[in-house]
C-alpha atoms as a PDB file:
ATOM      1  CA  MET A   1       7.938  62.262  66.373  1.00  0.00           C
ATOM      2  CA  LEU A   2      11.009  60.522  68.214  1.00  0.00           C
ATOM      3  CA  PRO A   3      13.488  62.842  66.877  1.00  0.00           C
ATOM      4  CA  ALA A   4      11.246  65.788  68.067  1.00  0.00           C
ATOM      5  CA  ALA A   5      10.759  64.215  71.486  1.00  0.00           C
ATOM      6  CA  ALA A   6      14.663  63.589  71.834  1.00  0.00           C
ATOM      7  CA  SER A   7      15.208  67.411  70.908  1.00  0.00           C
ATOM      8  CA  LEU A   8      12.663  68.556  73.622  1.00  0.00           C
ATOM      9  CA  ARG A   9      14.387  66.315  76.202  1.00  0.00           C
ATOM     10  CA  LYS A  10      17.758  67.689  75.264  1.00  0.00           C
ATOM     11  CA  GLN A  11      16.283  71.440  75.380  1.00  0.00           C
ATOM     12  CA  GLY A  12      15.253  70.626  79.052  1.00  0.00           C
ATOM     13  CA  ALA A  13      11.735  69.117  78.921  1.00  0.00           C
ATOM     14  CA  ASN A  14      11.299  66.664  81.771  1.00  0.00           C
ATOM     15  CA  ARG A  15      10.374  63.038  81.205  1.00  0.00           C
ATOM     16  CA  GLY A  16       6.813  63.526  82.101  1.00  0.00           C
ATOM     17  CA  ALA A  17       6.238  66.281  79.368  1.00  0.00           C
ATOM     18  CA  THR A  18       8.200  63.961  77.009  1.00  0.00           C
ATOM     19  CA  SER A  19       6.174  60.996  77.580  1.00  0.00           C
ATOM     20  CA  ALA A  20       2.791  63.121  77.145  1.00  0.00           C
ATOM     21  CA  PHE A  21       4.293  64.517  73.825  1.00  0.00           C
ATOM     22  CA  LEU A  22       4.990  60.966  72.456  1.00  0.00           C
ATOM     23  CA  ILE A  23       1.573  59.779  73.370  1.00  0.00           C
ATOM     24  CA  SER A  24      -0.698  62.797  72.599  1.00  0.00           C
ATOM     25  CA  THR A  25       1.085  64.034  69.384  1.00  0.00           C
ATOM     26  CA  PRO A  26       0.070  61.072  66.928  1.00  0.00           C
ATOM     27  CA  GLU A  27      -3.445  61.125  67.830  1.00  0.00           C
ATOM     28  CA  SER A  28      -4.219  64.916  68.199  1.00  0.00           C
ATOM     29  CA  GLY A  29      -2.990  66.172  64.939  1.00  0.00           C
ATOM     30  CA  ILE A  30      -5.356  67.746  62.523  1.00  0.00           C
ATOM     31  CA  ASP A  31      -4.500  64.963  59.896  1.00  0.00           C
ATOM     32  CA  SER A  32      -5.288  62.370  62.123  1.00  0.00           C
ATOM     33  CA  ILE A  33      -8.593  63.796  63.463  1.00  0.00           C
ATOM     34  CA  ALA A  34      -9.688  64.559  59.602  1.00  0.00           C
ATOM     35  CA  VAL A  35      -8.950  61.073  58.438  1.00  0.00           C
ATOM     36  CA  THR A  36     -10.834  59.545  61.419  1.00  0.00           C
ATOM     37  CA  TYR A  37     -13.745  61.481  60.745  1.00  0.00           C
ATOM     38  CA  ALA A  38     -13.652  60.589  57.139  1.00  0.00           C
ATOM     39  CA  LEU A  39     -13.121  56.893  57.535  1.00  0.00           C
ATOM     40  CA  LEU A  40     -14.602  56.041  60.921  1.00  0.00           C
ATOM     41  CA  ASP A  41     -17.450  58.101  62.477  1.00  0.00           C
ATOM     42  CA  PRO A  42     -18.046  61.180  64.892  1.00  0.00           C
ATOM     43  CA  ILE A  43     -17.818  58.968  67.986  1.00  0.00           C
ATOM     44  CA  MET A  44     -14.460  57.726  67.317  1.00  0.00           C
ATOM     45  CA  THR A  45     -13.279  61.204  65.924  1.00  0.00           C
ATOM     46  CA  ALA A  46     -14.107  62.583  69.484  1.00  0.00           C
ATOM     47  CA  VAL A  47     -12.937  59.457  71.432  1.00  0.00           C
ATOM     48  CA  ARG A  48      -9.659  59.025  70.064  1.00  0.00           C
ATOM     49  CA  PRO A  49      -7.982  62.506  70.875  1.00  0.00           C
ATOM     50  CA  LEU A  50      -9.773  62.344  74.211  1.00  0.00           C
ATOM     51  CA  ALA A  51      -8.497  59.051  75.142  1.00  0.00           C
ATOM     52  CA  ALA A  52      -4.918  60.028  73.760  1.00  0.00           C
ATOM     53  CA  PHE A  53      -5.235  63.428  76.029  1.00  0.00           C
ATOM     54  CA  VAL A  54      -6.005  61.316  79.152  1.00  0.00           C
ATOM     55  CA  THR A  55      -3.436  58.763  78.556  1.00  0.00           C
ATOM     56  CA  ALA A  56      -0.779  61.530  77.995  1.00  0.00           C
ATOM     57  CA  ILE A  57      -1.817  63.381  81.047  1.00  0.00           C
ATOM     58  CA  THR A  58      -1.758  60.122  83.167  1.00  0.00           C
ATOM     59  CA  ALA A  59       1.651  59.225  81.935  1.00  0.00           C
ATOM     60  CA  GLY A  60       3.327  62.409  82.373  1.00  0.00           C
ATOM     61  CA  VAL A  61       1.830  62.949  85.943  1.00  0.00           C
ATOM     62  CA  LEU A  62       3.069  59.493  86.976  1.00  0.00           C
ATOM     63  CA  GLU A  63       6.318  60.032  85.506  1.00  0.00           C
ATOM     64  CA  ASN A  64       7.055  63.129  87.446  1.00  0.00           C
ATOM     65  CA  ILE A  65       5.578  61.808  90.526  1.00  0.00           C
ATOM     66  CA  VAL A  66       7.894  58.636  90.472  1.00  0.00           C
ATOM     67  CA  ASP A  67      10.853  60.417  88.776  1.00  0.00           C
ATOM     68  CA  ARG A  68      10.483  64.035  90.131  1.00  0.00           C
ATOM     69  CA  PRO A  69      12.148  66.533  87.406  1.00  0.00           C
ATOM     70  CA  GLU A  70      14.882  68.805  88.499  1.00  0.00           C
ATOM     71  CA  ALA A  71      14.538  72.569  88.521  1.00  0.00           C
ATOM     72  CA  SER A  72      15.580  74.053  85.311  1.00  0.00           C
ATOM     73  CA  GLY A  73      15.259  77.532  83.900  1.00  0.00           C
ATOM     74  CA  PRO A  74      12.820  78.626  81.158  1.00  0.00           C
ATOM     75  CA  LEU A  75      12.754  76.861  77.773  1.00  0.00           C
ATOM     76  CA  GLN A  76      13.825  79.156  74.978  1.00  0.00           C
ATOM     77  CA  ALA A  77      10.955  79.269  72.503  1.00  0.00           C
ATOM     78  CA  ASP A  78      11.633  79.162  68.946  1.00  0.00           C
ATOM     79  CA  ARG A  79      10.295  82.645  67.389  1.00  0.00           C
ATOM     80  CA  SER A  80      11.730  82.401  63.962  1.00  0.00           C
ATOM     81  CA  CYS A  81       9.851  83.389  61.067  1.00  0.00           C
ATOM     82  CA  PRO A  82       7.688  80.427  59.683  1.00  0.00           C
ATOM     83  CA  VAL A  83       6.960  81.911  56.446  1.00  0.00           C
ATOM     84  CA  ASP A  84      10.746  82.005  55.097  1.00  0.00           C
ATOM     85  CA  ASN A  85      12.904  82.117  58.068  1.00  0.00           C
ATOM     86  CA  CYS A  86      13.613  85.903  57.502  1.00  0.00           C
ATOM     87  CA  CYS A  87      13.916  86.639  61.147  1.00  0.00           C
ATOM     88  CA  ASP A  88      15.247  84.546  64.095  1.00  0.00           C
ATOM     89  CA  GLY A  89      12.705  86.309  66.353  1.00  0.00           C
ATOM     90  CA  ILE A  90      15.245  87.466  68.752  1.00  0.00           C
ATOM     91  CA  ASP A  91      16.924  90.443  67.073  1.00  0.00           C
ATOM     92  CA  CYS A  92      13.802  91.406  65.259  1.00  0.00           C
ATOM     93  CA  PRO A  93      10.968  92.853  67.380  1.00  0.00           C
ATOM     94  CA  ASP A  94       7.456  91.438  66.866  1.00  0.00           C
ATOM     95  CA  ASP A  95       6.082  94.633  65.748  1.00  0.00           C
ATOM     96  CA  VAL A  96       8.429  94.978  63.217  1.00  0.00           C
ATOM     97  CA  HIS A  97       8.284  91.252  61.918  1.00  0.00           C
ATOM     98  CA  ARG A  98       4.631  91.534  61.481  1.00  0.00           C
ATOM     99  CA  ARG A  99       5.034  93.944  58.609  1.00  0.00           C
ATOM    100  CA  HIS A 100       7.494  91.574  56.867  1.00  0.00           C
ATOM    101  CA  HIS A 101       4.842  89.376  55.049  1.00  0.00           C
ATOM    102  CA  GLY A 102       1.346  90.053  53.909  1.00  0.00           C
ATOM    103  CA  PRO A 103      -1.575  87.837  54.243  1.00  0.00           C
ATOM    104  CA  GLY A 104      -1.106  86.297  50.775  1.00  0.00           C
ATOM    105  CA  GLU A 105       2.654  85.309  51.591  1.00  0.00           C
ATOM    106  CA  LYS A 106       1.543  83.707  54.862  1.00  0.00           C
ATOM    107  CA  ILE A 107      -1.450  81.925  53.139  1.00  0.00           C
ATOM    108  CA  ALA A 108       0.944  80.518  50.353  1.00  0.00           C
ATOM    109  CA  ALA A 109       3.435  79.452  53.049  1.00  0.00           C
ATOM    110  CA  GLY A 110       0.618  77.564  55.096  1.00  0.00           C
ATOM    111  CA  LEU A 111      -0.473  75.812  51.788  1.00  0.00           C
ATOM    112  CA  ARG A 112       2.969  74.919  50.855  1.00  0.00           C
ATOM    113  CA  PHE A 113       3.650  73.387  54.485  1.00  0.00           C
ATOM    114  CA  ALA A 114       0.458  71.553  54.226  1.00  0.00           C
ATOM    115  CA  VAL A 115       1.004  69.923  50.729  1.00  0.00           C
ATOM    116  CA  THR A 116       5.061  69.377  51.011  1.00  0.00           C
ATOM    117  CA  ASP A 117       5.567  68.779  54.475  1.00  0.00           C
ATOM    118  CA  VAL A 118       2.500  67.336  56.244  1.00  0.00           C
ATOM    119  CA  TRP A 119       1.001  65.348  53.342  1.00  0.00           C
ATOM    120  CA  GLY A 120       4.589  64.579  52.003  1.00  0.00           C
ATOM    121  CA  ASP A 121       5.460  62.876  55.276  1.00  0.00           C
ATOM    122  CA  ILE A 122       2.342  60.838  55.584  1.00  0.00           C
ATOM    123  CA  VAL A 123       1.394  59.968  51.889  1.00  0.00           C
ATOM    124  CA  GLY A 124       3.602  56.962  52.016  1.00  0.00           C
ATOM    125  CA  TRP A 125       2.270  55.537  55.139  1.00  0.00           C
ATOM    126  CA  PHE A 126      -1.202  56.369  54.395  1.00  0.00           C
ATOM    127  CA  ALA A 127      -0.902  54.461  50.899  1.00  0.00           C
ATOM    128  CA  ALA A 128       0.426  51.498  52.753  1.00  0.00           C
ATOM    129  CA  GLY A 129      -2.375  51.544  55.264  1.00  0.00           C
ATOM    130  CA  LEU A 130      -5.168  51.556  52.358  1.00  0.00           C
ATOM    131  CA  ILE A 131      -3.267  48.665  50.755  1.00  0.00           C
ATOM    132  CA  LEU A 132      -3.288  46.639  53.889  1.00  0.00           C
ATOM    133  CA  ALA A 133      -6.749  47.551  54.527  1.00  0.00           C
ATOM    134  CA  ALA A 134      -7.972  46.194  51.157  1.00  0.00           C
ATOM    135  CA  PHE A 135      -5.993  42.857  51.761  1.00  0.00           C
ATOM    136  CA  ILE A 136      -7.682  42.567  55.212  1.00  0.00           C
ATOM    137  CA  THR A 137     -11.205  43.452  53.466  1.00  0.00           C
ATOM    138  CA  VAL A 138     -10.728  40.796  50.753  1.00  0.00           C
ATOM    139  CA  LEU A 139      -8.579  37.900  52.516  1.00  0.00           C
ATOM    140  CA  ILE A 140      -9.676  37.742  56.164  1.00  0.00           C
ATOM    141  CA  PRO A 141     -13.109  35.952  56.702  1.00  0.00           C
ATOM    142  CA  ASP A 142     -15.676  38.000  58.658  1.00  0.00           C
ATOM    143  CA  GLU A 143     -16.378  34.971  60.997  1.00  0.00           C
ATOM    144  CA  PHE A 144     -12.558  34.888  61.955  1.00  0.00           C
ATOM    145  CA  MET A 145     -12.564  38.288  63.066  1.00  0.00           C
ATOM    146  CA  ALA A 146     -15.886  38.418  64.762  1.00  0.00           C
ATOM    147  CA  ARG A 147     -14.972  35.469  66.769  1.00  0.00           C
ATOM    148  CA  TRP A 148     -11.556  36.497  68.257  1.00  0.00           C
ATOM    149  CA  LEU A 149     -11.860  40.236  68.103  1.00  0.00           C
ATOM    150  CA  GLY A 150     -15.632  40.818  68.646  1.00  0.00           C
ATOM    151  CA  GLY A 151     -15.389  42.564  72.124  1.00  0.00           C
ATOM    152  CA  GLY A 152     -14.153  41.992  75.449  1.00  0.00           C
ATOM    153  CA  LEU A 153     -10.821  42.093  77.312  1.00  0.00           C
ATOM    154  CA  SER A 154      -9.446  39.342  75.170  1.00  0.00           C
ATOM    155  CA  SER A 155      -9.859  41.447  72.058  1.00  0.00           C
ATOM    156  CA  MET A 156      -8.286  44.282  73.735  1.00  0.00           C
ATOM    157  CA  LEU A 157      -5.096  42.329  74.581  1.00  0.00           C
ATOM    158  CA  VAL A 158      -4.947  40.989  71.396  1.00  0.00           C
ATOM    159  CA  MET A 159      -5.057  44.443  69.795  1.00  0.00           C
ATOM    160  CA  LEU A 160      -2.247  45.440  72.143  1.00  0.00           C
ATOM    161  CA  VAL A 161       0.078  42.408  71.244  1.00  0.00           C
ATOM    162  CA  VAL A 162      -0.614  43.390  67.690  1.00  0.00           C
ATOM    163  CA  GLY A 163      -0.404  47.215  67.914  1.00  0.00           C
ATOM    164  CA  ILE A 164       2.663  47.835  70.349  1.00  0.00           C
ATOM    165  CA  PRO A 165       5.368  46.334  67.991  1.00  0.00           C
ATOM    166  CA  LEU A 166       4.052  47.444  64.815  1.00  0.00           C
ATOM    167  CA  TYR A 167       5.622  50.085  63.083  1.00  0.00           C
ATOM    168  CA  ILE A 168       2.799  52.368  61.929  1.00  0.00           C
ATOM    169  CA  CYS A 169       1.607  56.061  61.915  1.00  0.00           C
ATOM    170  CA  ALA A 170      -1.671  57.663  63.283  1.00  0.00           C
ATOM    171  CA  SER A 171      -2.767  58.515  59.517  1.00  0.00           C
ATOM    172  CA  ALA A 172      -2.062  54.996  58.091  1.00  0.00           C
ATOM    173  CA  SER A 173      -3.529  52.964  61.149  1.00  0.00           C
ATOM    174  CA  THR A 174      -6.899  54.544  60.412  1.00  0.00           C
ATOM    175  CA  PRO A 175      -8.003  52.917  57.353  1.00  0.00           C
ATOM    176  CA  ILE A 176      -6.827  49.638  58.946  1.00  0.00           C
ATOM    177  CA  ALA A 177      -8.998  50.121  61.996  1.00  0.00           C
ATOM    178  CA  ALA A 178     -11.899  50.851  59.557  1.00  0.00           C
ATOM    179  CA  ALA A 179     -11.350  47.656  57.488  1.00  0.00           C
ATOM    180  CA  LEU A 180     -11.129  45.653  60.726  1.00  0.00           C
ATOM    181  CA  ILE A 181     -14.345  47.048  62.086  1.00  0.00           C
ATOM    182  CA  LEU A 182     -16.179  46.376  58.800  1.00  0.00           C
ATOM    183  CA  LYS A 183     -14.772  42.703  59.175  1.00  0.00           C
ATOM    184  CA  GLY A 184     -16.348  42.378  62.699  1.00  0.00           C
ATOM    185  CA  VAL A 185     -13.763  43.817  65.024  1.00  0.00           C
ATOM    186  CA  SER A 186     -15.358  45.731  67.800  1.00  0.00           C
ATOM    187  CA  PRO A 187     -14.930  49.573  68.078  1.00  0.00           C
ATOM    188  CA  GLY A 188     -13.380  49.380  71.254  1.00  0.00           C
ATOM    189  CA  ALA A 189     -10.572  46.855  70.207  1.00  0.00           C
ATOM    190  CA  ALA A 190     -10.066  48.952  67.024  1.00  0.00           C
ATOM    191  CA  LEU A 191      -9.340  52.128  69.288  1.00  0.00           C
ATOM    192  CA  VAL A 192      -6.715  50.105  71.327  1.00  0.00           C
ATOM    193  CA  PHE A 193      -5.052  49.534  67.989  1.00  0.00           C
ATOM    194  CA  LEU A 194      -5.434  53.176  67.079  1.00  0.00           C
ATOM    195  CA  LEU A 195      -3.794  54.361  70.405  1.00  0.00           C
ATOM    196  CA  ALA A 196      -1.071  51.715  70.686  1.00  0.00           C
ATOM    197  CA  GLY A 197       0.167  51.412  67.189  1.00  0.00           C
ATOM    198  CA  PRO A 198       1.354  54.839  66.526  1.00  0.00           C
ATOM    199  CA  ALA A 199       2.594  55.519  70.118  1.00  0.00           C
ATOM    200  CA  THR A 200       5.313  52.601  70.049  1.00  0.00           C
ATOM    201  CA  ASN A 201       6.914  50.113  67.961  1.00  0.00           C
ATOM    202  CA  VAL A 202       9.692  47.591  68.354  1.00  0.00           C
ATOM    203  CA  THR A 203      12.293  49.649  66.436  1.00  0.00           C
ATOM    204  CA  SER A 204      11.600  52.837  68.711  1.00  0.00           C
ATOM    205  CA  LEU A 205      12.016  51.062  72.101  1.00  0.00           C
ATOM    206  CA  THR A 206      15.759  51.390  72.000  1.00  0.00           C
ATOM    207  CA  VAL A 207      15.354  55.296  71.384  1.00  0.00           C
ATOM    208  CA  LEU A 208      12.276  55.470  74.075  1.00  0.00           C
ATOM    209  CA  ILE A 209      14.882  53.911  76.565  1.00  0.00           C
ATOM    210  CA  GLY A 210      17.342  56.260  75.640  1.00  0.00           C
ATOM    211  CA  ILE A 211      14.919  59.276  76.195  1.00  0.00           C
ATOM    212  CA  LEU A 212      13.018  57.997  79.327  1.00  0.00           C
ATOM    213  CA  GLY A 213      15.192  55.164  80.781  1.00  0.00           C
ATOM    214  CA  LYS A 214      14.369  51.848  81.046  1.00  0.00           C
ATOM    215  CA  ARG A 215      11.995  52.256  84.198  1.00  0.00           C
ATOM    216  CA  GLY A 216      10.260  55.157  82.295  1.00  0.00           C
ATOM    217  CA  THR A 217       9.921  53.093  79.041  1.00  0.00           C
ATOM    218  CA  LEU A 218       8.417  50.320  81.264  1.00  0.00           C
ATOM    219  CA  ARG A 219       5.823  52.803  83.012  1.00  0.00           C
ATOM    220  CA  TYR A 220       5.222  54.325  79.511  1.00  0.00           C
ATOM    221  CA  LEU A 221       4.129  51.104  78.243  1.00  0.00           C
ATOM    222  CA  LEU A 222       1.978  50.089  81.114  1.00  0.00           C
ATOM    223  CA  VAL A 223       0.145  53.280  81.371  1.00  0.00           C
ATOM    224  CA  LEU A 224      -0.409  53.186  77.474  1.00  0.00           C
ATOM    225  CA  SER A 225      -1.686  49.761  77.518  1.00  0.00           C
ATOM    226  CA  GLY A 226      -3.909  50.348  80.792  1.00  0.00           C
ATOM    227  CA  CYS A 227      -5.483  53.305  79.349  1.00  0.00           C
ATOM    228  CA  ALA A 228      -5.983  51.907  75.884  1.00  0.00           C
ATOM    229  CA  VAL A 229      -7.803  48.841  77.342  1.00  0.00           C
ATOM    230  CA  ALA A 230     -10.194  50.949  79.696  1.00  0.00           C
ATOM    231  CA  PHE A 231     -11.032  53.237  76.811  1.00  0.00           C
ATOM    232  CA  GLY A 232     -11.655  50.567  74.495  1.00  0.00           C
ATOM    233  CA  LEU A 233     -14.183  48.817  76.922  1.00  0.00           C
ATOM    234  CA  LEU A 234     -15.722  52.121  77.581  1.00  0.00           C
ATOM    235  CA  VAL A 235     -16.151  52.609  73.616  1.00  0.00           C
ATOM    236  CA  ASP A 236     -17.740  49.349  73.463  1.00  0.00           C
ATOM    237  CA  TRP A 237     -20.258  50.032  76.232  1.00  0.00           C
ATOM    238  CA  LEU A 238     -20.905  53.376  74.716  1.00  0.00           C
ATOM    239  CA  TYR A 239     -21.862  51.949  71.237  1.00  0.00           C
ATOM    240  CA  GLY A 240     -24.041  49.274  72.921  1.00  0.00           C
ATOM    241  CA  PHE A 241     -25.806  51.709  75.342  1.00  0.00           C
ATOM    242  CA  LEU A 242     -26.349  54.247  72.091  1.00  0.00           C
ATOM    243  CA  GLY A 243     -27.586  50.915  70.028  1.00  0.00           C
ATOM    244  CA  ILE A 244     -25.251  51.946  67.193  1.00  0.00           C
ATOM    245  CA  SER A 245     -23.483  49.458  64.999  1.00  0.00           C
ATOM    246  CA  ALA A 246     -20.082  50.826  64.159  1.00  0.00           C
ATOM    247  CA  ALA A 247     -19.634  48.910  60.968  1.00  0.00           C
ATOM    248  CA  ALA A 248     -23.200  50.136  59.781  1.00  0.00           C
ATOM    249  CA  VAL A 249     -22.115  53.861  60.333  1.00  0.00           C
ATOM    250  CA  ILE A 250     -18.537  53.893  59.611  1.00  0.00           C
ATOM    251  CA  GLY A 251     -17.553  56.321  56.487  1.00  0.00           C
ATOM    252  CA  GLU A 252     -21.165  57.807  56.845  1.00  0.00           C
ATOM    253  CA  ALA A 253     -19.276  61.240  56.940  1.00  0.00           C
ATOM    254  CA  ALA A 254     -18.547  61.110  53.158  1.00  0.00           C
ATOM    255  CA  GLU A 255     -22.546  61.516  52.505  1.00  0.00           C
ATOM    256  CA  LEU A 256     -22.195  65.083  53.837  1.00  0.00           C
ATOM    257  CA  VAL A 257     -20.133  66.042  50.933  1.00  0.00           C
ATOM    258  CA  PRO A 258     -21.515  66.016  47.184  1.00  0.00           C
ATOM    259  CA  GLU A 259     -20.218  63.489  44.970  1.00  0.00           C
ATOM    260  CA  TRP A 260     -18.345  65.715  42.564  1.00  0.00           C
ATOM    261  CA  LEU A 261     -16.731  67.278  45.564  1.00  0.00           C
ATOM    262  CA  GLN A 262     -15.381  63.782  46.479  1.00  0.00           C
ATOM    263  CA  TYR A 263     -14.194  63.013  43.188  1.00  0.00           C
ATOM    264  CA  ALA A 264     -12.537  66.429  42.988  1.00  0.00           C
ATOM    265  CA  GLY A 265     -10.791  65.998  46.351  1.00  0.00           C
ATOM    266  CA  VAL A 266      -9.541  62.532  45.116  1.00  0.00           C
ATOM    267  CA  ALA A 267      -8.065  64.031  42.120  1.00  0.00           C
ATOM    268  CA  VAL A 268      -6.302  66.721  44.103  1.00  0.00           C
ATOM    269  CA  LEU A 269      -4.955  64.319  46.677  1.00  0.00           C
ATOM    270  CA  LEU A 270      -3.403  61.937  43.643  1.00  0.00           C
ATOM    271  CA  LEU A 271      -2.058  64.974  42.068  1.00  0.00           C
ATOM    272  CA  ILE A 272      -0.279  66.172  45.195  1.00  0.00           C
ATOM    273  CA  SER A 273       0.778  62.730  45.907  1.00  0.00           C
ATOM    274  CA  ILE A 274       2.651  62.023  42.626  1.00  0.00           C
ATOM    275  CA  ARG A 275       5.891  64.034  43.646  1.00  0.00           C
ATOM    276  CA  PRO A 276       6.327  62.688  47.289  1.00  0.00           C
ATOM    277  CA  LEU A 277       5.661  59.155  46.244  1.00  0.00           C
ATOM    278  CA  ALA A 278       7.831  59.255  43.363  1.00  0.00           C
ATOM    279  CA  ALA A 279      10.655  60.717  45.708  1.00  0.00           C
ATOM    280  CA  MET A 280      10.297  57.937  48.328  1.00  0.00           C
ATOM    281  CA  PHE A 281      10.198  55.334  45.614  1.00  0.00           C
ATOM    282  CA  HIS A 282      13.590  56.903  44.074  1.00  0.00           C
ATOM    283  CA  ARG A 283      15.253  56.677  47.511  1.00  0.00           C
ATOM    284  CA  LYS A 284      14.077  53.156  48.163  1.00  0.00           C
ATOM    285  CA  THR A 285      15.257  51.657  44.790  1.00  0.00           C
ATOM    286  CA  VAL A 286      18.475  54.085  44.090  1.00  0.00           C
ATOM    287  CA  GLY A 287      19.526  54.510  47.961  1.00  0.00           C
ATOM    288  CA  PRO A 288      22.050  57.150  48.980  1.00  0.00           C
ATOM    289  CA  LYS A 289      24.816  58.431  46.594  1.00  0.00           C
ATOM    290  CA  GLY A 290      28.066  56.859  47.272  1.00  0.00           C
ATOM    291  CA  GLU A 291      31.214  58.816  47.108  1.00  0.00           C
ATOM    292  CA  ILE A 292      32.860  59.106  43.756  1.00  0.00           C
ATOM    293  CA  THR A 293      36.663  58.992  43.232  1.00  0.00           C
ATOM    294  CA  PHE A 294      38.391  60.516  40.373  1.00  0.00           C
ATOM    295  CA  HIS A 295      41.683  59.190  39.173  1.00  0.00           C
ATOM    296  CA  ALA A 296      43.720  61.655  37.149  1.00  0.00           C
ATOM    297  CA  GLY A 297      46.062  59.450  35.476  1.00  0.00           C
ATOM    298  CA  PHE A 298      49.339  61.676  35.978  1.00  0.00           C
ATOM    299  CA  PRO A 299      52.621  59.978  36.872  1.00  0.00           C
ATOM    300  CA  THR A 300      53.462  59.860  40.363  1.00  0.00           C
ATOM    301  CA  ALA A 301      56.162  62.386  41.544  1.00  0.00           C
ATOM    302  CA  PRO A 302      59.123  60.916  43.446  1.00  0.00           C
ATOM    303  CA  PRO A 303      59.209  61.585  47.164  1.00  0.00           C
ATOM    304  CA  ALA A 304      61.127  64.854  48.212  1.00  0.00           C
ATOM    305  CA  GLY A 305      65.018  64.268  48.510  1.00  0.00           C
ATOM    306  CA  VAL A 306      64.896  61.025  46.550  1.00  0.00           C
ATOM    307  CA  LYS A 307      67.081  61.176  43.322  1.00  0.00           C
ATOM    308  CA  LYS A 308      66.602  59.432  40.263  1.00  0.00           C
ATOM    309  CA  GLY A 309      67.966  55.944  40.494  1.00  0.00           C
ATOM    310  CA  GLU A 310      67.677  55.758  44.203  1.00  0.00           C
ATOM    311  CA  GLY A 311      65.010  54.392  46.281  1.00  0.00           C
ATOM    312  CA  PRO A 312      62.474  51.700  45.565  1.00  0.00           C
ATOM    313  CA  SER A 313      62.092  50.572  41.847  1.00  0.00           C
ATOM    314  CA  CYS A 314      59.129  51.412  40.029  1.00  0.00           C
ATOM    315  CA  PRO A 315      57.740  50.012  36.730  1.00  0.00           C
ATOM    316  CA  PRO A 316      58.721  51.869  33.428  1.00  0.00           C
ATOM    317  CA  SER A 317      55.168  53.029  32.997  1.00  0.00           C
ATOM    318  CA  CYS A 318      55.196  54.936  36.284  1.00  0.00           C
ATOM    319  CA  GLY A 319      57.295  57.786  34.728  1.00  0.00           C
ATOM    320  CA  CYS A 320      59.459  58.713  37.853  1.00  0.00           C
ATOM    321  CA  GLY A 321      62.643  57.278  36.509  1.00  0.00           C
ATOM    322  CA  HIS A 322      63.184  54.562  39.128  1.00  0.00           C
END
């Protein structure tokens, strides 16, 4: 996400648009919405992207008001072919490019992108989130979570302190939020974690400062924190008003799918996860390949202009005659 934001900034996007992109992108992806619906409930599925949208608009508008963007020309959209990059979209008219690929090729390209690019990017983080959620479910007592994170402003602030510096993506944070709710954490506090965690972390602050500036980064964090807490309190009120227990309805979307289809889906996910997980493990264990230097073993020729017996002396094994 940060490289994409930096690229947008270099191509002419103002700071307000970049701030909105950084906040809304993790929460509004189809993968994030689907995982939220599967692991949480319909209310959180609707509120999560809505809260991200409002927060993104607020941060973007505030940034453009405080730091008015300079007038710039129109941005050049990337119109290259998404199927196999056969056309750059500039020298090839649209009516000609439409005939380059049939529906089958487009469907295959979309499936390939979903399996290799989208799922390949998030599978490692999603697995880490599931493992961490399992540890939370088994090791942390329910009374501890319900006492300190059961609701109210203090719970939201604690989740901000935990979520802002944590390095986690939107998909990986969802099973953790589900485990927290099952342990007694209020849905509003879990929403604060879902909004604050993927939007920023300690390691990305230096990059954010480079993209938005120091004051822009501070405004970014303040708007994100304020909106996350406000929506967290609103969600707690909404669940209380509707008389719904978040822990009781969590994961109920699975009941809409037949059991055989659930197991088939798990099998497919496991199969398409083997290759990216193996590649990630290989990169972590082996590391980047270093440069290989080959030594021929041939004798070193004397410098030009140096006769035999002159110049610096060399060992007999050298072969140069010195």
